[in-house]
Amino acid sequence: MRIISWLITNAVALAVAAQLFDGIRFTGPIHGQEEIKHKLLPLLLVALILGLVSATVKPVLKLISIPFILLSLGLFLLVINAAMLGLTSWLADGLGIGFHVNGFWTAVGGSIVITIVGWVVDGLIGPEDDRR
């Protein structure tokens, strides 16, 4: 059950970021039922890729970047989160999913939105123990 809530949280956060930033987009129709039909599976796949990248690559980058994180008082974590979103975009493009992030600053803004929306959705869903 936890993996489903995790996937939904990532998908909602990605959808919000894609709505707020022109540089974060999914290819396909842009209005109505056709948009939902064509973008739901890619959204879930990109959420899965983002989660896997964040679970595998991000801890290694954080470990290597500890001096930069400390010197910047944690702001370097924004760069790491943006890099994870950029890597997700690159992997999704390589797999033919049709998800694109244009530019570093768009990735920074998108990663901030994804983090905040993820916190909010997790707060609304509640802890794992409360869902039984």
C-alpha atoms as a PDB file:
ATOM      1  CA  MET A   1       0.000   0.000   0.000  1.00  0.00           C
ATOM      2  CA  ARG A   2       2.870   2.387   0.779  1.00  0.00           C
ATOM      3  CA  ILE A   3       4.281   2.093  -2.747  1.00  0.00           C
ATOM      4  CA  ILE A   4       0.923   3.060  -4.246  1.00  0.00           C
ATOM      5  CA  SER A   5       0.612   6.168  -2.067  1.00  0.00           C
ATOM      6  CA  TRP A   6       4.245   7.017  -2.861  1.00  0.00           C
ATOM      7  CA  LEU A   7       3.558   6.670  -6.613  1.00  0.00           C
ATOM      8  CA  ILE A   8       0.386   8.763  -6.411  1.00  0.00           C
ATOM      9  CA  THR A   9       2.177  11.440  -4.387  1.00  0.00           C
ATOM     10  CA  ASN A  10       4.958  11.669  -6.989  1.00  0.00           C
ATOM     11  CA  ALA A  11       2.432  11.708  -9.839  1.00  0.00           C
ATOM     12  CA  VAL A  12       0.364  14.512  -8.293  1.00  0.00           C
ATOM     13  CA  ALA A  13       3.509  16.544  -7.585  1.00  0.00           C
ATOM     14  CA  LEU A  14       4.751  16.071 -11.162  1.00  0.00           C
ATOM     15  CA  ALA A  15       1.348  17.027 -12.582  1.00  0.00           C
ATOM     16  CA  VAL A  16       1.300  20.243 -10.540  1.00  0.00           C
ATOM     17  CA  ALA A  17       4.851  21.119 -11.620  1.00  0.00           C
ATOM     18  CA  ALA A  18       3.937  20.466 -15.264  1.00  0.00           C
ATOM     19  CA  GLN A  19       0.934  22.778 -14.915  1.00  0.00           C
ATOM     20  CA  LEU A  20       2.929  25.575 -13.291  1.00  0.00           C
ATOM     21  CA  PHE A  21       6.004  25.567 -15.546  1.00  0.00           C
ATOM     22  CA  ASP A  22       5.935  25.829 -19.333  1.00  0.00           C
ATOM     23  CA  GLY A  23       9.356  24.153 -19.439  1.00  0.00           C
ATOM     24  CA  ILE A  24       8.063  20.966 -17.790  1.00  0.00           C
ATOM     25  CA  ARG A  25       5.736  19.127 -20.113  1.00  0.00           C
ATOM     26  CA  PHE A  26       4.365  15.856 -21.343  1.00  0.00           C
ATOM     27  CA  THR A  27       3.889  15.437 -25.076  1.00  0.00           C
ATOM     28  CA  GLY A  28       0.409  14.892 -26.453  1.00  0.00           C
ATOM     29  CA  PRO A  29      -2.980  16.622 -26.356  1.00  0.00           C
ATOM     30  CA  ILE A  30      -3.290  19.652 -24.107  1.00  0.00           C
ATOM     31  CA  HIS A  31      -7.032  19.779 -23.264  1.00  0.00           C
ATOM     32  CA  GLY A  32      -9.929  17.654 -22.113  1.00  0.00           C
ATOM     33  CA  GLN A  33     -10.424  13.919 -21.858  1.00  0.00           C
ATOM     34  CA  GLU A  34      -7.859  13.208 -24.572  1.00  0.00           C
ATOM     35  CA  GLU A  35      -5.160  14.825 -22.461  1.00  0.00           C
ATOM     36  CA  ILE A  36      -6.030  12.695 -19.431  1.00  0.00           C
ATOM     37  CA  LYS A  37      -6.228   9.544 -21.520  1.00  0.00           C
ATOM     38  CA  HIS A  38      -2.870  10.113 -23.218  1.00  0.00           C
ATOM     39  CA  LYS A  39      -0.911  11.477 -20.253  1.00  0.00           C
ATOM     40  CA  LEU A  40      -2.012   9.353 -17.280  1.00  0.00           C
ATOM     41  CA  LEU A  41       0.231   6.355 -17.982  1.00  0.00           C
ATOM     42  CA  PRO A  42       3.269   8.518 -18.882  1.00  0.00           C
ATOM     43  CA  LEU A  43       2.688  10.528 -15.693  1.00  0.00           C
ATOM     44  CA  LEU A  44       2.723   7.361 -13.585  1.00  0.00           C
ATOM     45  CA  LEU A  45       5.807   6.054 -15.403  1.00  0.00           C
ATOM     46  CA  VAL A  46       7.691   9.334 -14.900  1.00  0.00           C
ATOM     47  CA  ALA A  47       6.652   9.334 -11.221  1.00  0.00           C
ATOM     48  CA  LEU A  48       8.100   5.826 -10.936  1.00  0.00           C
ATOM     49  CA  ILE A  49      11.330   6.857 -12.673  1.00  0.00           C
ATOM     50  CA  LEU A  50      11.654   9.938 -10.457  1.00  0.00           C
ATOM     51  CA  GLY A  51      11.126   7.822  -7.364  1.00  0.00           C
ATOM     52  CA  LEU A  52      13.691   5.247  -8.448  1.00  0.00           C
ATOM     53  CA  VAL A  53      16.243   7.914  -9.355  1.00  0.00           C
ATOM     54  CA  SER A  54      15.653   9.660  -6.028  1.00  0.00           C
ATOM     55  CA  ALA A  55      16.033   6.397  -4.140  1.00  0.00           C
ATOM     56  CA  THR A  56      19.211   5.240  -5.889  1.00  0.00           C
ATOM     57  CA  VAL A  57      21.211   8.145  -7.318  1.00  0.00           C
ATOM     58  CA  LYS A  58      20.248  10.953  -4.923  1.00  0.00           C
ATOM     59  CA  PRO A  59      21.761   9.398  -1.758  1.00  0.00           C
ATOM     60  CA  VAL A  60      25.090   8.906  -3.542  1.00  0.00           C
ATOM     61  CA  LEU A  61      25.100  12.514  -4.769  1.00  0.00           C
ATOM     62  CA  LYS A  62      24.232  13.768  -1.292  1.00  0.00           C
ATOM     63  CA  LEU A  63      27.080  11.813   0.228  1.00  0.00           C
ATOM     64  CA  ILE A  64      29.585  13.079  -2.321  1.00  0.00           C
ATOM     65  CA  SER A  65      28.272  16.653  -1.954  1.00  0.00           C
ATOM     66  CA  ILE A  66      28.335  16.945   1.837  1.00  0.00           C
ATOM     67  CA  PRO A  67      30.986  19.719   1.802  1.00  0.00           C
ATOM     68  CA  PHE A  68      28.972  21.777  -0.703  1.00  0.00           C
ATOM     69  CA  ILE A  69      25.747  21.183   1.218  1.00  0.00           C
ATOM     70  CA  LEU A  70      27.364  22.371   4.441  1.00  0.00           C
ATOM     71  CA  LEU A  71      29.035  25.394   2.847  1.00  0.00           C
ATOM     72  CA  SER A  72      25.810  26.490   1.187  1.00  0.00           C
ATOM     73  CA  LEU A  73      23.751  25.838   4.338  1.00  0.00           C
ATOM     74  CA  GLY A  74      21.711  23.239   2.483  1.00  0.00           C
ATOM     75  CA  LEU A  75      20.964  25.246  -0.661  1.00  0.00           C
ATOM     76  CA  PHE A  76      23.043  22.843  -2.742  1.00  0.00           C
ATOM     77  CA  LEU A  77      20.250  20.318  -2.164  1.00  0.00           C
ATOM     78  CA  LEU A  78      18.212  22.387  -4.644  1.00  0.00           C
ATOM     79  CA  VAL A  79      20.861  21.688  -7.265  1.00  0.00           C
ATOM     80  CA  ILE A  80      20.766  17.972  -6.448  1.00  0.00           C
ATOM     81  CA  ASN A  81      16.947  17.892  -6.669  1.00  0.00           C
ATOM     82  CA  ALA A  82      17.080  19.756  -9.996  1.00  0.00           C
ATOM     83  CA  ALA A  83      19.651  17.256 -11.255  1.00  0.00           C
ATOM     84  CA  MET A  84      17.332  14.381 -10.279  1.00  0.00           C
ATOM     85  CA  LEU A  85      14.492  15.972 -12.250  1.00  0.00           C
ATOM     86  CA  GLY A  86      16.817  16.521 -15.220  1.00  0.00           C
ATOM     87  CA  LEU A  87      18.023  12.915 -15.040  1.00  0.00           C
ATOM     88  CA  THR A  88      14.408  11.747 -14.897  1.00  0.00           C
ATOM     89  CA  SER A  89      13.653  13.801 -18.007  1.00  0.00           C
ATOM     90  CA  TRP A  90      16.657  12.350 -19.804  1.00  0.00           C
ATOM     91  CA  LEU A  91      15.711   8.762 -18.880  1.00  0.00           C
ATOM     92  CA  ALA A  92      12.052   9.292 -19.813  1.00  0.00           C
ATOM     93  CA  ASP A  93      13.104  10.748 -23.169  1.00  0.00           C
ATOM     94  CA  GLY A  94      15.394   7.770 -23.752  1.00  0.00           C
ATOM     95  CA  LEU A  95      12.528   5.396 -23.000  1.00  0.00           C
ATOM     96  CA  GLY A  96      10.209   7.306 -25.350  1.00  0.00           C
ATOM     97  CA  ILE A  97       7.803   8.392 -22.613  1.00  0.00           C
ATOM     98  CA  GLY A  98       7.530  12.010 -23.766  1.00  0.00           C
ATOM     99  CA  PHE A  99       8.437  13.976 -20.646  1.00  0.00           C
ATOM    100  CA  HIS A 100      10.680  17.018 -20.989  1.00  0.00           C
ATOM    101  CA  VAL A 101      12.275  19.536 -18.648  1.00  0.00           C
ATOM    102  CA  ASN A 102      13.791  22.541 -20.422  1.00  0.00           C
ATOM    103  CA  GLY A 103      16.671  24.150 -18.609  1.00  0.00           C
ATOM    104  CA  PHE A 104      18.315  24.175 -15.209  1.00  0.00           C
ATOM    105  CA  TRP A 105      16.214  26.930 -13.625  1.00  0.00           C
ATOM    106  CA  THR A 106      13.008  25.259 -14.712  1.00  0.00           C
ATOM    107  CA  ALA A 107      14.288  22.070 -13.083  1.00  0.00           C
ATOM    108  CA  VAL A 108      15.082  23.992  -9.874  1.00  0.00           C
ATOM    109  CA  GLY A 109      11.598  25.529  -9.783  1.00  0.00           C
ATOM    110  CA  GLY A 110      10.001  22.219 -10.647  1.00  0.00           C
ATOM    111  CA  SER A 111      11.910  20.391  -7.946  1.00  0.00           C
ATOM    112  CA  ILE A 112      10.796  22.975  -5.364  1.00  0.00           C
ATOM    113  CA  VAL A 113       7.163  22.561  -6.429  1.00  0.00           C
ATOM    114  CA  ILE A 114       7.464  18.755  -6.439  1.00  0.00           C
ATOM    115  CA  THR A 115       8.914  18.810  -2.927  1.00  0.00           C
ATOM    116  CA  ILE A 116       6.242  21.131  -1.525  1.00  0.00           C
ATOM    117  CA  VAL A 117       3.348  19.323  -3.206  1.00  0.00           C
ATOM    118  CA  GLY A 118       4.798  15.998  -2.062  1.00  0.00           C
ATOM    119  CA  TRP A 119       4.822  17.230   1.545  1.00  0.00           C
ATOM    120  CA  VAL A 120       1.234  18.471   1.255  1.00  0.00           C
ATOM    121  CA  VAL A 121      -0.070  15.264  -0.332  1.00  0.00           C
ATOM    122  CA  ASP A 122       1.781  13.127   2.227  1.00  0.00           C
ATOM    123  CA  GLY A 123       0.237  15.266   4.962  1.00  0.00           C
ATOM    124  CA  LEU A 124      -3.241  14.798   3.512  1.00  0.00           C
ATOM    125  CA  ILE A 125      -2.807  11.056   3.096  1.00  0.00           C
ATOM    126  CA  GLY A 126      -1.318  10.747   6.568  1.00  0.00           C
ATOM    127  CA  PRO A 127       1.219   8.315   7.975  1.00  0.00           C
ATOM    128  CA  GLU A 128       1.120   4.634   7.012  1.00  0.00           C
ATOM    129  CA  ASP A 129      -0.149   3.644  10.465  1.00  0.00           C
ATOM    130  CA  ASP A 130      -3.222   5.885  10.137  1.00  0.00           C
ATOM    131  CA  ARG A 131      -4.406   4.240   6.907  1.00  0.00           C
ATOM    132  CA  ARG A 132      -5.373   0.885   8.419  1.00  0.00           C
END
